[in-house]
Every structure is written in structure tokens, then in C-alpha cells.
Amino acid sequence: MLVSNVSLSGCAGVNSALCAGAGEGHQGGGSFRITLSPTGNLIVAVCLGFIGTFGLLNNLLVLVLFCRYKMLRSPINLLLINISISDLLVCILGTPFSFAASTQGRWLIGKGGCMWYGFANSLFGIVSLISLAVLSYERYSTMIAPTEADSSNYRKISMGIVLTWVYSLVWTLPPLFGWSHYGPEGPGTTCSVDWTAKTPNNISYIICLFVFCLIVPFLVIVFCYGKLLYAIRQVSGINASMSRKREQRVLFMVVVMVICYLLCWLPYGIMALLATFGPPGLVTPEASIIPSILAKTSTVINPVIYVFMNKQFYRCFQALFHCETPRRGSSLKSSSKLPTKAMRGGAPTGPRRSNDCLYMVASLGQPAATLPQLEASFEPTIDVTKAPSSDFNKPVVVSLVAQLDD
């Protein structure tokens, strides 16, 4: 069996913080609370050990690649590094304590440690969530008005990173000052916000946390990537085969992002709402620990989705693994105010390099500039080597994927 009944009378010999948390004994006045059995605790410990180990390795590898290769030091990649740092801090400052608690079947570092654990894990988790939303918005805004990387771009991204931490602090500090509170959750081997207290103070906080730290980031992600996909579909008539291939690749990546976001965080949010608004005992320990573990798996999944599915990072990973210089990307990026609008006036400019990306600006009704000699594997997204059509009502369309698949 995964669960067993433990009398509250024996709590003093185990840990006072464990008994002060959620449970029927705490809220409903019952004589016992349910905890995981030794087998259940062992299974949880194995899962947490796997998550902590691979989350640590994956995020450390991301930081090593970023420090090793200058070509990765673009403004938008700073957001990926921010996500990796927050996930890495979870693996260092959070997961080891819950792992140790699961191996012993009880919380080990007291009430103060429980409050610290709940605060730190909530802070780093929300930083990661908000960073994903900021990343999607940055990719969307880059599609709307792409610019060359300069100091202003770095300042804008830096402000976005600061925003993620300030926003997270705004929602994780209140429980330390009386708006709800941090305490043991589920079987008592992890700590978080007290989901089970039925007071208006606690319920109001949980509703705000659910809306502003889960639903709002999700809506931003869906909106921004939805607009990005729509823009790619708009240029599908320029080069049907290439556009269809790129559209399918981006669509796959976006679907994976959204599904993994929901898989990691939606069960935890639903569990919190059920524990808050449902009757006492509705959320059992095994039912509560599973969403908690799923939320922690985001520290392993995020580097895989947002970094190793990124061609630029993957090329550098291959180069690091084979001890060689990373090869240049073979795709041509084009800059435009909007994918469905043409850039009018003036002769086309030559290619210019910025952050290892090649940009080409084409203007309406003008002969195209001669493309530089590129490697044989180069496949342009748009054929700008042909003379323009005599039909000047047809705009030249320049597509942009905003570094989504670089």
C-alpha cells in the first residue's frame, strides 16, 4: 500500500512542523492524518532523485554552453539562461530537502526550514513560468518589429528578467507577512502554500496566485505563439514546400511547449483549488504528491524544449561534445515590419550580421541584391534572386520566425 494512517498523538516524536500543516487532523479535528507508506515514500524519493539529478545536469549544461560560445550570447538567449538559473536553483535549494524528507518519511529541517522551502520553490517556480511568458512575448514582438541586436535590446531583455523576479517576489512574499502562509503539504515531506485552510485570507491569496501566476502566463504564451504561427501561415504561398516544412516544425515545437506547460503545472493548480474549495480529505496524500512531482519535472523538461530543440544551442552542444567549432546556421533570416507587409522605398541593403544571424532587407519593386556565396546546404526561405514581377500590386513578403527555431 502507498498510504498508511498515522496518529497525531505520535507527531511530537516525529516533527512538529509535519503536524502543523494541512490534513484532517489540522482542519477537521480528526484524530489522525494520512501519510505515505515506506514504499510510497521510496517511490517519491526515487522520482525526486531522478528529477534533481537530471535537472541539475541539464541546466548546468545550458550555462556551460552559454559561457563557452559567444554566438549564443544574444539578448533573447538571456531569457533562456534566466529560466535555466531558476530551474537550477530549484534543483540545488529545493529538491534535495524533499528528497531527504521522502527517504525518512518526515520533514527534517523544522518549521523555519519548511517556510524557507515553500518560499524558495514558489519563487523559483514562478520566475520560470513568467520567464516563459516573457520569452513568448519577446519572440512575438521581434516578429512585429525585428531589430539588430544592440545595447538597447540587451537593456530591454534585462528589464524583462528583472520583471520576472520582481513579479515573483510580489506573489511569494505575502505568505511570509500574513496573507496565507507556508507549511507542509500532502504527506508532509514537501512544503508549499497552505492549500487546505478555509479562511477568506487564504482563499483570496490562492485565487490570485492561480489567476496571475498560472492562467495569465498561459494565455500570454498561447496568444504570442498563436500569432507567430499565423504569421508563418500567411507567407506559405511564397515557397510552399519550405514554408510547409517550417510551419510544421514550429507548430510541433509550440504544441510541445503548451502541452508540457499544462502537464507540469495544470495538475498542481487543480489540486490546489480542490484542496482549497473541496471538503476536507478530498485530496489524498498520494493525489497531492503526484502534481507536486509533475511541477518539479519542469526543471528537466524546460532545458530540453527551450534549449536543445533550439538549433543554435544544439549546434553548440554538438560542437562541445565533439570538441570542435560549431558550424554556422544554414537558414537565412529576413527582417520585416510584419510578415505580410512589404518594406517600401529605397534600394535593398546588403546583408548585415548581428549575433551570428544574417539579415536581408528587400524592398518593393526593386531588383534584389545579389546574395552572398553560401554553403551548399543553404536553403533560402524566400527566393529573392529572381527579378520582381511586373505586377506591382503583389507585395514582396519577407518572413520572420523570430529565432523560434534557430
Protein backbone atom coordinates (compact mmCIF):
# COMPACT_ATOMS: atom_id res chain seq x y z
CA MET A 1 0.00 0.00 0.00
CA LEU A 2 1.10 3.55 -0.68
CA VAL A 3 -0.63 5.11 2.30
CA SER A 4 -0.99 4.36 5.97
CA ASN A 5 -2.72 6.02 8.92
CA VAL A 6 -0.56 7.83 11.48
CA SER A 7 -1.98 9.04 14.78
CA LEU A 8 -1.46 12.67 15.70
CA SER A 9 -0.51 11.61 19.18
CA GLY A 10 2.80 10.36 17.82
CA CYS A 11 3.57 13.56 15.95
CA ALA A 12 5.63 15.08 18.70
CA GLY A 13 8.17 12.36 18.25
CA VAL A 14 8.36 12.89 14.54
CA ASN A 15 8.35 16.60 13.76
CA SER A 16 6.22 19.46 14.98
CA ALA A 17 6.21 21.13 11.57
CA LEU A 18 4.83 18.00 9.99
CA CYS A 19 1.83 18.03 12.30
CA ALA A 20 1.17 21.74 12.00
CA GLY A 21 0.33 21.51 8.31
CA ALA A 22 -2.59 20.51 6.22
CA GLY A 23 -4.64 17.45 6.98
CA GLU A 24 -7.86 16.31 8.54
CA GLY A 25 -6.36 16.48 11.98
CA HIS A 26 -5.48 20.12 11.43
CA GLN A 27 -8.69 21.36 9.85
CA GLY A 28 -11.39 18.92 10.73
CA GLY A 29 -10.41 17.98 14.23
CA GLY A 30 -9.91 14.31 13.40
CA SER A 31 -7.66 12.02 15.42
CA PHE A 32 -5.31 11.09 12.60
CA ARG A 33 -3.88 12.22 9.27
CA ILE A 34 -2.85 10.08 6.32
CA THR A 35 0.77 9.79 5.25
CA LEU A 36 2.57 7.76 2.64
CA SER A 37 3.75 4.28 3.46
CA PRO A 38 7.50 3.47 3.37
CA THR A 39 7.04 2.08 -0.14
CA GLY A 40 5.25 5.23 -1.25
CA ASN A 41 7.98 7.41 0.23
CA LEU A 42 10.61 5.33 -1.54
CA ILE A 43 8.89 5.78 -4.90
CA VAL A 44 8.66 9.53 -4.33
CA ALA A 45 12.33 9.66 -3.30
CA VAL A 46 13.38 7.84 -6.49
CA CYS A 47 11.36 10.26 -8.63
CA LEU A 48 12.79 13.29 -6.84
CA GLY A 49 16.31 11.89 -7.13
CA PHE A 50 15.86 11.46 -10.89
CA ILE A 51 14.39 14.96 -11.27
CA GLY A 52 17.07 16.60 -9.14
CA THR A 53 19.95 14.86 -10.89
CA PHE A 54 18.87 15.41 -14.49
CA GLY A 55 17.52 18.89 -13.79
CA LEU A 56 20.90 19.84 -12.34
CA LEU A 57 22.86 18.35 -15.25
CA ASN A 58 20.61 19.76 -17.98
CA ASN A 59 20.62 23.29 -16.62
CA LEU A 60 24.33 23.25 -15.84
CA LEU A 61 24.99 22.18 -19.42
CA VAL A 62 22.93 25.13 -20.68
CA LEU A 63 25.02 27.54 -18.61
CA VAL A 64 28.27 25.91 -19.79
CA LEU A 65 27.22 26.30 -23.44
CA PHE A 66 26.24 29.92 -22.88
CA CYS A 67 29.57 30.73 -21.23
CA ARG A 68 31.61 28.73 -23.74
CA TYR A 69 30.22 30.05 -27.03
CA LYS A 70 29.90 33.77 -27.74
CA MET A 71 27.48 33.14 -30.59
CA LEU A 72 24.84 32.19 -28.01
CA ARG A 73 25.07 35.49 -26.15
CA SER A 74 22.15 37.18 -27.86
CA PRO A 75 19.51 39.18 -25.98
CA ILE A 76 16.73 36.63 -26.32
CA ASN A 77 19.01 33.81 -25.12
CA LEU A 78 19.41 35.68 -21.84
CA LEU A 79 15.79 34.75 -21.11
CA LEU A 80 16.64 31.09 -21.67
CA ILE A 81 19.51 31.47 -19.23
CA ASN A 82 17.17 33.07 -16.70
CA ILE A 83 14.89 30.04 -16.95
CA SER A 84 17.83 27.69 -16.52
CA ILE A 85 19.11 29.60 -13.48
CA SER A 86 15.72 29.49 -11.75
CA ASP A 87 15.36 25.77 -12.51
CA LEU A 88 18.91 25.15 -11.34
CA LEU A 89 18.19 26.90 -8.03
CA VAL A 90 15.19 24.62 -7.53
CA CYS A 91 17.43 21.59 -8.04
CA ILE A 92 20.03 22.95 -5.59
CA LEU A 93 17.94 24.64 -2.89
CA GLY A 94 14.70 22.71 -3.04
CA THR A 95 14.72 19.17 -4.38
CA PRO A 96 17.47 17.82 -2.07
CA PHE A 97 15.39 18.66 1.03
CA SER A 98 12.23 17.00 -0.23
CA PHE A 99 14.32 14.03 -1.40
CA ALA A 100 15.85 13.65 2.07
CA ALA A 101 12.43 14.02 3.70
CA SER A 102 10.97 11.30 1.46
CA THR A 103 13.77 8.88 2.33
CA GLN A 104 12.97 9.37 6.04
CA GLY A 105 9.22 9.71 5.71
CA ARG A 106 9.12 13.06 7.55
CA TRP A 107 10.21 16.67 7.22
CA LEU A 108 13.72 17.07 8.58
CA ILE A 109 14.58 20.76 8.93
CA GLY A 110 11.82 22.14 11.12
CA LYS A 111 9.18 24.82 10.73
CA GLY A 112 11.62 27.54 9.65
CA GLY A 113 13.11 25.27 7.02
CA CYS A 114 9.62 24.41 5.82
CA MET A 115 8.78 28.10 5.36
CA TRP A 116 12.07 28.67 3.52
CA TYR A 117 11.47 25.67 1.26
CA GLY A 118 7.93 26.79 0.42
CA PHE A 119 9.02 30.34 -0.31
CA ALA A 120 12.11 29.44 -2.36
CA ASN A 121 10.39 26.81 -4.50
CA SER A 122 7.41 29.08 -5.13
CA LEU A 123 9.71 31.97 -6.06
CA PHE A 124 11.88 29.99 -8.49
CA GLY A 125 8.89 28.18 -9.99
CA ILE A 126 7.02 31.43 -10.70
CA VAL A 127 10.19 33.01 -12.12
CA SER A 128 10.38 30.11 -14.56
CA LEU A 129 6.70 30.42 -15.51
CA ILE A 130 6.82 34.19 -16.02
CA SER A 131 10.07 33.87 -17.98
CA LEU A 132 8.34 31.50 -20.40
CA ALA A 133 5.62 34.10 -20.92
CA VAL A 134 8.16 36.93 -21.37
CA LEU A 135 10.09 34.74 -23.83
CA SER A 136 6.98 34.14 -25.93
CA TYR A 137 6.16 37.85 -25.92
CA GLU A 138 9.71 38.75 -26.92
CA ARG A 139 9.57 36.36 -29.86
CA TYR A 140 6.22 37.83 -30.86
CA SER A 141 7.47 41.44 -30.59
CA THR A 142 10.59 40.51 -32.57
CA MET A 143 8.31 39.24 -35.32
CA ILE A 144 6.39 42.54 -35.28
CA ALA A 145 9.41 44.85 -35.26
CA PRO A 146 12.71 42.98 -35.67
CA THR A 147 15.84 44.94 -34.99
CA GLU A 148 19.52 44.28 -34.92
CA ALA A 149 20.90 43.35 -31.53
CA ASP A 150 22.29 46.40 -29.78
CA SER A 151 22.66 47.76 -26.28
CA SER A 152 19.01 48.85 -26.19
CA ASN A 153 17.90 45.27 -26.90
CA TYR A 154 20.02 43.99 -24.05
CA ARG A 155 18.55 46.64 -21.76
CA LYS A 156 15.03 45.62 -22.74
CA ILE A 157 15.71 41.94 -22.10
CA SER A 158 17.44 42.78 -18.82
CA MET A 159 14.37 44.71 -17.75
CA GLY A 160 12.24 41.72 -18.66
CA ILE A 161 14.41 39.46 -16.50
CA VAL A 162 14.22 41.88 -13.58
CA LEU A 163 10.45 41.98 -14.08
CA THR A 164 10.19 38.19 -13.73
CA TRP A 165 11.95 38.27 -10.36
CA VAL A 166 10.08 41.30 -9.02
CA TYR A 167 6.74 39.87 -10.18
CA SER A 168 7.55 36.55 -8.50
CA LEU A 169 8.56 38.27 -5.25
CA VAL A 170 5.28 40.20 -5.28
CA TRP A 171 3.38 36.90 -5.16
CA THR A 172 5.67 34.84 -2.93
CA LEU A 173 6.50 37.31 -0.15
CA PRO A 174 2.90 37.84 1.13
CA PRO A 175 2.65 34.43 2.89
CA LEU A 176 5.67 35.44 4.97
CA PHE A 177 3.77 38.50 6.16
CA GLY A 178 0.34 37.09 6.88
CA TRP A 179 -1.51 36.76 3.57
CA SER A 180 -1.82 32.94 3.70
CA HIS A 181 1.25 31.06 4.96
CA TYR A 182 3.75 28.36 4.02
CA GLY A 183 3.56 24.93 5.61
CA PRO A 184 3.72 21.17 4.91
CA GLU A 185 1.62 19.88 2.03
CA GLY A 186 0.31 16.42 1.22
CA PRO A 187 2.04 13.71 3.25
CA GLY A 188 4.31 16.25 4.95
CA THR A 189 7.53 15.61 3.03
CA THR A 190 7.28 18.83 1.00
CA CYS A 191 6.20 22.37 1.87
CA SER A 192 4.22 24.97 -0.01
CA VAL A 193 1.35 27.39 0.46
CA ASP A 194 -1.28 26.01 2.82
CA TRP A 195 -3.90 24.89 0.34
CA THR A 196 -6.32 23.49 2.93
CA ALA A 197 -7.05 26.48 5.19
CA LYS A 198 -10.64 27.62 4.56
CA THR A 199 -10.20 31.20 5.76
CA PRO A 200 -11.03 34.15 3.46
CA ASN A 201 -7.43 35.32 3.89
CA ASN A 202 -6.04 32.08 2.47
CA ILE A 203 -8.69 31.59 -0.22
CA SER A 204 -8.21 35.09 -1.65
CA TYR A 205 -4.45 34.55 -1.92
CA ILE A 206 -4.81 31.18 -3.65
CA ILE A 207 -7.30 32.58 -6.19
CA CYS A 208 -4.93 35.46 -7.03
CA LEU A 209 -1.96 33.08 -7.24
CA PHE A 210 -3.85 30.76 -9.59
CA VAL A 211 -5.01 33.57 -11.88
CA PHE A 212 -1.89 35.75 -12.05
CA CYS A 213 0.83 33.10 -11.84
CA LEU A 214 -0.70 30.26 -13.87
CA ILE A 215 -3.59 31.37 -16.08
CA VAL A 216 -2.19 34.74 -17.20
CA PRO A 217 1.24 33.34 -18.26
CA PHE A 218 -0.51 30.51 -20.11
CA LEU A 219 -2.77 32.93 -22.02
CA VAL A 220 0.24 35.08 -22.96
CA ILE A 221 2.10 32.03 -24.26
CA VAL A 222 -0.85 30.77 -26.29
CA PHE A 223 -1.58 34.21 -27.75
CA CYS A 224 2.00 35.03 -28.73
CA TYR A 225 2.84 31.66 -30.28
CA GLY A 226 -0.57 31.56 -31.95
CA LYS A 227 0.17 34.90 -33.63
CA LEU A 228 3.60 33.61 -34.62
CA LEU A 229 2.10 30.53 -36.28
CA TYR A 230 -0.48 32.69 -38.03
CA ALA A 231 2.30 34.86 -39.45
CA ILE A 232 4.11 31.81 -40.78
CA ARG A 233 0.93 30.56 -42.46
CA GLN A 234 0.50 33.95 -44.12
CA VAL A 235 3.71 33.51 -46.10
CA SER A 236 3.09 29.87 -47.02
CA GLY A 237 2.34 30.85 -50.62
CA ILE A 238 5.83 32.22 -51.26
CA ASN A 239 7.62 28.90 -51.16
CA ALA A 240 5.08 26.22 -50.44
CA SER A 241 7.39 23.31 -49.68
CA MET A 242 9.84 25.23 -47.48
CA SER A 243 7.08 27.17 -45.69
CA ARG A 244 5.14 24.00 -45.02
CA LYS A 245 8.22 22.34 -43.56
CA ARG A 246 9.00 25.31 -41.34
CA GLU A 247 5.34 25.67 -40.34
CA GLN A 248 5.19 22.03 -39.29
CA ARG A 249 8.41 22.33 -37.30
CA VAL A 250 7.30 25.46 -35.48
CA LEU A 251 3.82 24.05 -34.90
CA PHE A 252 5.31 20.91 -33.38
CA MET A 253 7.53 22.96 -31.08
CA VAL A 254 4.67 25.21 -29.97
CA VAL A 255 2.36 22.27 -29.30
CA VAL A 256 5.09 20.58 -27.24
CA MET A 257 5.63 23.80 -25.27
CA VAL A 258 1.94 24.21 -24.45
CA ILE A 259 1.36 20.53 -23.63
CA CYS A 260 4.38 20.37 -21.33
CA TYR A 261 3.36 23.60 -19.63
CA LEU A 262 -0.10 22.19 -18.94
CA LEU A 263 1.24 18.77 -17.97
CA CYS A 264 3.65 20.25 -15.43
CA TRP A 265 1.56 22.98 -13.88
CA LEU A 266 -2.16 22.44 -14.51
CA PRO A 267 -2.46 19.33 -12.24
CA TYR A 268 -0.81 21.26 -9.43
CA GLY A 269 -3.16 24.20 -9.91
CA ILE A 270 -6.22 21.92 -9.98
CA MET A 271 -5.04 20.08 -6.88
CA ALA A 272 -4.59 23.39 -5.06
CA LEU A 273 -8.11 24.53 -5.99
CA LEU A 274 -9.64 21.20 -4.94
CA ALA A 275 -7.81 21.30 -1.62
CA THR A 276 -8.93 24.90 -1.09
CA PHE A 277 -12.59 24.66 -2.10
CA GLY A 278 -13.29 20.95 -1.67
CA PRO A 279 -14.33 19.18 1.53
CA PRO A 280 -11.58 18.15 4.00
CA GLY A 281 -9.85 14.95 2.93
CA LEU A 282 -10.87 15.26 -0.73
CA VAL A 283 -7.22 15.48 -1.86
CA THR A 284 -5.40 12.42 -0.53
CA PRO A 285 -1.61 12.39 0.08
CA GLU A 286 -0.84 10.30 -2.99
CA ALA A 287 -3.10 12.53 -5.09
CA SER A 288 -1.34 15.65 -3.83
CA ILE A 289 2.24 14.41 -4.21
CA ILE A 290 1.84 13.49 -7.90
CA PRO A 291 1.07 17.07 -9.08
CA SER A 292 3.94 18.32 -6.93
CA ILE A 293 6.34 15.92 -8.66
CA LEU A 294 4.98 16.88 -12.10
CA ALA A 295 5.62 20.56 -11.35
CA LYS A 296 9.23 19.75 -10.42
CA THR A 297 9.75 17.87 -13.70
CA SER A 298 9.63 21.25 -15.45
CA THR A 299 13.24 21.74 -14.31
CA VAL A 300 14.19 18.77 -16.51
CA ILE A 301 11.84 19.47 -19.41
CA ASN A 302 12.43 23.21 -19.87
CA PRO A 303 16.09 22.88 -20.97
CA VAL A 304 15.15 20.16 -23.46
CA ILE A 305 12.28 22.09 -25.06
CA TYR A 306 13.58 25.64 -24.99
CA VAL A 307 17.29 24.97 -25.48
CA PHE A 308 18.08 21.62 -27.08
CA MET A 309 15.20 21.98 -29.56
CA ASN A 310 16.82 25.31 -30.44
CA LYS A 311 19.12 24.78 -33.44
CA GLN A 312 21.68 27.31 -32.29
CA PHE A 313 22.12 25.73 -28.87
CA TYR A 314 22.03 22.24 -30.34
CA ARG A 315 24.83 23.02 -32.80
CA CYS A 316 26.93 24.31 -29.91
CA PHE A 317 26.11 21.21 -27.87
CA GLN A 318 27.31 19.01 -30.72
CA ALA A 319 30.46 21.09 -31.02
CA LEU A 320 31.12 20.80 -27.29
CA PHE A 321 30.53 17.06 -27.37
CA HIS A 322 32.86 16.57 -30.35
CA CYS A 323 35.39 19.20 -29.20
CA GLU A 324 35.11 21.24 -32.39
CA THR A 325 33.98 24.67 -33.58
CA PRO A 326 30.21 24.97 -34.02
CA ARG A 327 29.12 25.32 -37.64
CA ARG A 328 27.16 28.30 -38.79
CA GLY A 329 23.42 28.03 -39.25
CA SER A 330 22.22 27.46 -42.79
CA SER A 331 18.97 29.37 -42.68
CA LEU A 332 18.54 32.94 -43.85
CA LYS A 333 16.63 35.26 -41.56
CA SER A 334 14.79 38.13 -43.12
CA SER A 335 13.73 41.31 -41.40
CA SER A 336 10.39 42.94 -41.93
CA LYS A 337 7.97 45.12 -40.05
CA LEU A 338 5.29 42.50 -40.48
CA PRO A 339 5.45 39.17 -42.33
CA THR A 340 2.51 40.17 -44.51
CA LYS A 341 3.73 43.67 -45.34
CA ALA A 342 6.40 44.84 -47.73
CA MET A 343 9.15 47.27 -46.93
CA ARG A 344 8.83 50.16 -49.31
CA GLY A 345 11.22 52.75 -50.63
CA GLY A 346 14.93 52.71 -51.19
CA ALA A 347 17.18 50.16 -52.71
CA PRO A 348 17.73 46.90 -50.92
CA THR A 349 20.53 46.85 -48.47
CA GLY A 350 23.24 44.27 -48.35
CA PRO A 351 23.39 41.57 -45.75
CA ARG A 352 24.44 42.53 -42.27
CA ARG A 353 25.47 40.26 -39.43
CA SER A 354 24.29 40.64 -35.88
CA ASN A 355 24.59 37.95 -33.25
CA ASP A 356 25.55 35.40 -35.85
CA CYS A 357 22.28 35.84 -37.73
CA LEU A 358 22.19 37.04 -41.34
CA TYR A 359 19.58 39.63 -42.20
CA MET A 360 18.48 40.71 -45.67
CA VAL A 361 16.08 43.57 -46.28
CA ALA A 362 14.21 43.53 -49.59
CA SER A 363 12.17 46.50 -50.81
CA LEU A 364 9.11 46.54 -53.01
CA GLY A 365 9.54 46.79 -56.76
CA GLN A 366 13.33 46.91 -56.70
CA PRO A 367 15.80 44.40 -58.09
CA ALA A 368 17.01 42.04 -55.45
CA ALA A 369 20.51 42.27 -54.11
CA THR A 370 22.94 39.60 -55.03
CA LEU A 371 23.10 37.01 -52.32
CA PRO A 372 26.47 36.20 -50.81
CA GLN A 373 28.02 32.85 -51.54
CA LEU A 374 26.80 30.37 -49.00
CA GLU A 375 27.38 26.73 -48.38
CA ALA A 376 25.68 24.12 -50.49
CA SER A 377 23.17 23.23 -47.80
CA PHE A 378 21.75 26.77 -47.77
CA GLU A 379 18.02 26.77 -48.48
CA PRO A 380 16.52 30.27 -48.55
CA THR A 381 13.06 30.72 -47.13
CA ILE A 382 12.25 33.14 -49.91
CA ASP A 383 13.65 33.40 -53.42
CA VAL A 384 15.00 36.95 -53.64
CA THR A 385 17.35 36.23 -56.56
CA LYS A 386 14.59 36.46 -59.19
CA ALA A 387 13.62 39.73 -60.78
CA PRO A 388 10.43 41.21 -59.36
CA SER A 389 7.15 40.54 -61.07
CA SER A 390 5.60 43.21 -63.24
CA ASP A 391 2.55 43.08 -61.02
CA PHE A 392 3.42 45.78 -58.53
CA ASN A 393 0.24 45.17 -56.58
CA LYS A 394 1.73 41.98 -55.18
CA PRO A 395 3.90 42.85 -52.20
CA VAL A 396 7.22 41.26 -51.57
CA VAL A 397 6.73 39.19 -48.44
CA VAL A 398 9.62 38.68 -46.11
CA SER A 399 9.10 36.04 -43.46
CA LEU A 400 10.45 36.02 -39.95
CA VAL A 401 10.43 33.23 -37.44
CA ALA A 402 11.85 35.39 -34.64
CA GLN A 403 14.56 32.95 -33.63
CA LEU A 404 12.00 30.33 -32.61
CA ASP A 405 13.79 27.56 -34.44
CA ASP A 406 17.32 28.97 -34.55
